[in-house]
Amino acid sequence: MYLLQHQYLILIILLLIIQTTAAFWWSLGLPSFQSWSSTQKNQEPFCSSLTFLTADQRYYCQTNPKIFAIISRSLRQAIEECQYQFRNQRWNCSIFNQSDVFGKLVLRSKRHNMYK
């Protein structure tokens, strides 16, 4: 019994220190990013303005701007497909607030929790 209590305590501590990863990169699929040109020579100001990117993602944005243009286009297509697939449902992937795509769903730490 005593050992079991310690295991639960360790599990709770581990769960508390795990960092929740937010998927704000979905914002790259918003219409505001569609006008972004990947031919800009200096990407640093643009990439630095994307505060939701991790340091590694910001590095790739600065060094591979064409990849981010492709990601942006692909995410926009994913949003459009989501809206098409759920067009007759109560939640149809509508984007009411242009600053975020899926609202608080992206703040969930586990993939399967996004559907609750």
Protein backbone atom coordinates (compact mmCIF):
# COMPACT_ATOMS: atom_id res chain seq x y z
CA MET A 1 0.00 0.00 0.00
CA TYR A 2 2.79 2.39 0.96
CA LEU A 3 4.66 1.64 -2.29
CA LEU A 4 1.50 2.17 -4.32
CA GLN A 5 0.99 5.62 -2.78
CA HIS A 6 4.54 6.61 -3.74
CA GLN A 7 3.98 5.43 -7.29
CA TYR A 8 0.84 7.56 -7.57
CA LEU A 9 2.70 10.54 -6.14
CA ILE A 10 5.51 10.12 -8.66
CA LEU A 11 2.99 9.79 -11.46
CA ILE A 12 1.20 12.98 -10.39
CA ILE A 13 4.48 14.89 -10.18
CA LEU A 14 5.50 13.69 -13.65
CA LEU A 15 2.14 14.70 -15.09
CA LEU A 16 2.45 18.16 -13.55
CA ILE A 17 5.89 18.84 -14.99
CA ILE A 18 5.07 17.69 -18.52
CA GLN A 19 4.75 20.75 -20.67
CA THR A 20 1.61 21.13 -22.70
CA THR A 21 2.39 21.77 -26.33
CA ALA A 22 0.06 24.14 -28.09
CA ALA A 23 -0.51 23.67 -31.79
CA PHE A 24 -0.62 27.31 -32.76
CA TRP A 25 1.25 26.45 -35.97
CA TRP A 26 -2.22 25.76 -37.39
CA SER A 27 -2.49 29.54 -37.58
CA LEU A 28 -0.20 29.40 -40.61
CA GLY A 29 -3.25 28.15 -42.53
CA LEU A 30 -5.24 31.32 -41.90
CA PRO A 31 -6.01 33.61 -44.85
CA SER A 32 -3.69 36.29 -43.45
CA PHE A 33 -0.72 34.02 -44.24
CA GLN A 34 -1.85 33.28 -47.80
CA SER A 35 -0.51 36.59 -49.05
CA TRP A 36 2.89 35.88 -47.54
CA SER A 37 5.51 35.66 -50.24
CA SER A 38 8.29 33.10 -49.88
CA THR A 39 10.53 35.11 -52.20
CA GLN A 40 11.43 37.69 -49.57
CA LYS A 41 15.17 37.87 -49.05
CA ASN A 42 15.06 38.71 -45.36
CA GLN A 43 12.69 36.36 -43.57
CA GLU A 44 13.93 37.12 -40.07
CA PRO A 45 11.43 39.92 -39.24
CA PHE A 46 8.51 37.82 -40.48
CA CYS A 47 9.62 34.63 -38.73
CA SER A 48 10.39 36.50 -35.51
CA SER A 49 6.87 37.93 -35.50
CA LEU A 50 5.41 34.41 -35.33
CA THR A 51 5.52 34.13 -31.55
CA PHE A 52 3.74 30.77 -31.54
CA LEU A 53 6.67 29.03 -33.26
CA THR A 54 9.29 27.15 -31.30
CA ALA A 55 12.96 28.09 -31.68
CA ASP A 56 13.53 25.20 -34.12
CA GLN A 57 10.47 26.14 -36.18
CA ARG A 58 11.60 29.77 -36.29
CA TYR A 59 15.04 28.62 -37.52
CA TYR A 60 13.45 26.59 -40.33
CA CYS A 61 11.22 29.51 -41.20
CA GLN A 62 14.26 31.75 -41.62
CA THR A 63 16.40 29.24 -43.51
CA ASN A 64 13.71 27.51 -45.61
CA PRO A 65 11.00 30.07 -46.43
CA LYS A 66 9.62 27.99 -49.31
CA ILE A 67 8.82 25.15 -46.91
CA PHE A 68 6.76 27.49 -44.75
CA ALA A 69 4.88 28.75 -47.81
CA ILE A 70 4.04 25.12 -48.66
CA ILE A 71 3.03 24.40 -45.05
CA SER A 72 0.80 27.48 -45.03
CA ARG A 73 -0.92 26.45 -48.25
CA SER A 74 -1.33 22.86 -47.04
CA LEU A 75 -2.82 23.95 -43.73
CA ARG A 76 -5.28 26.20 -45.54
CA GLN A 77 -6.33 23.22 -47.67
CA ALA A 78 -6.71 21.13 -44.51
CA ILE A 79 -8.97 23.78 -42.96
CA GLU A 80 -11.05 23.98 -46.14
CA GLU A 81 -11.36 20.18 -46.26
CA CYS A 82 -12.37 20.10 -42.60
CA GLN A 83 -15.06 22.70 -43.31
CA TYR A 84 -16.28 20.66 -46.27
CA GLN A 85 -16.37 17.34 -44.39
CA PHE A 86 -18.23 18.84 -41.41
CA ARG A 87 -20.41 21.24 -43.43
CA ASN A 88 -23.66 19.69 -42.13
CA GLN A 89 -22.54 19.41 -38.51
CA ARG A 90 -23.00 21.85 -35.66
CA TRP A 91 -19.26 22.50 -35.55
CA ASN A 92 -17.99 22.76 -39.09
CA CYS A 93 -14.44 24.03 -38.54
CA SER A 94 -15.60 27.61 -38.94
CA ILE A 95 -13.02 30.25 -38.22
CA PHE A 96 -14.78 32.93 -36.20
CA ASN A 97 -11.70 34.44 -34.63
CA GLN A 98 -9.00 34.93 -37.23
CA SER A 99 -6.26 34.83 -34.60
CA ASP A 100 -6.78 31.16 -33.87
CA VAL A 101 -8.03 28.30 -35.98
CA PHE A 102 -9.51 25.73 -33.64
CA GLY A 103 -9.85 27.76 -30.46
CA LYS A 104 -9.08 26.00 -27.19
CA LEU A 105 -8.82 22.62 -28.89
CA VAL A 106 -5.18 23.27 -29.75
CA LEU A 107 -4.39 23.80 -26.07
CA ARG A 108 -5.22 20.20 -25.20
CA SER A 109 -2.12 18.20 -24.41
CA LYS A 110 -3.22 14.86 -25.83
CA ARG A 111 -4.37 14.09 -29.33
CA HIS A 112 -7.37 12.00 -28.28
CA ASN A 113 -8.59 14.77 -25.93
CA MET A 114 -9.17 17.11 -28.85
CA TYR A 115 -12.37 15.27 -29.68
CA LYS A 116 -13.95 15.52 -26.21
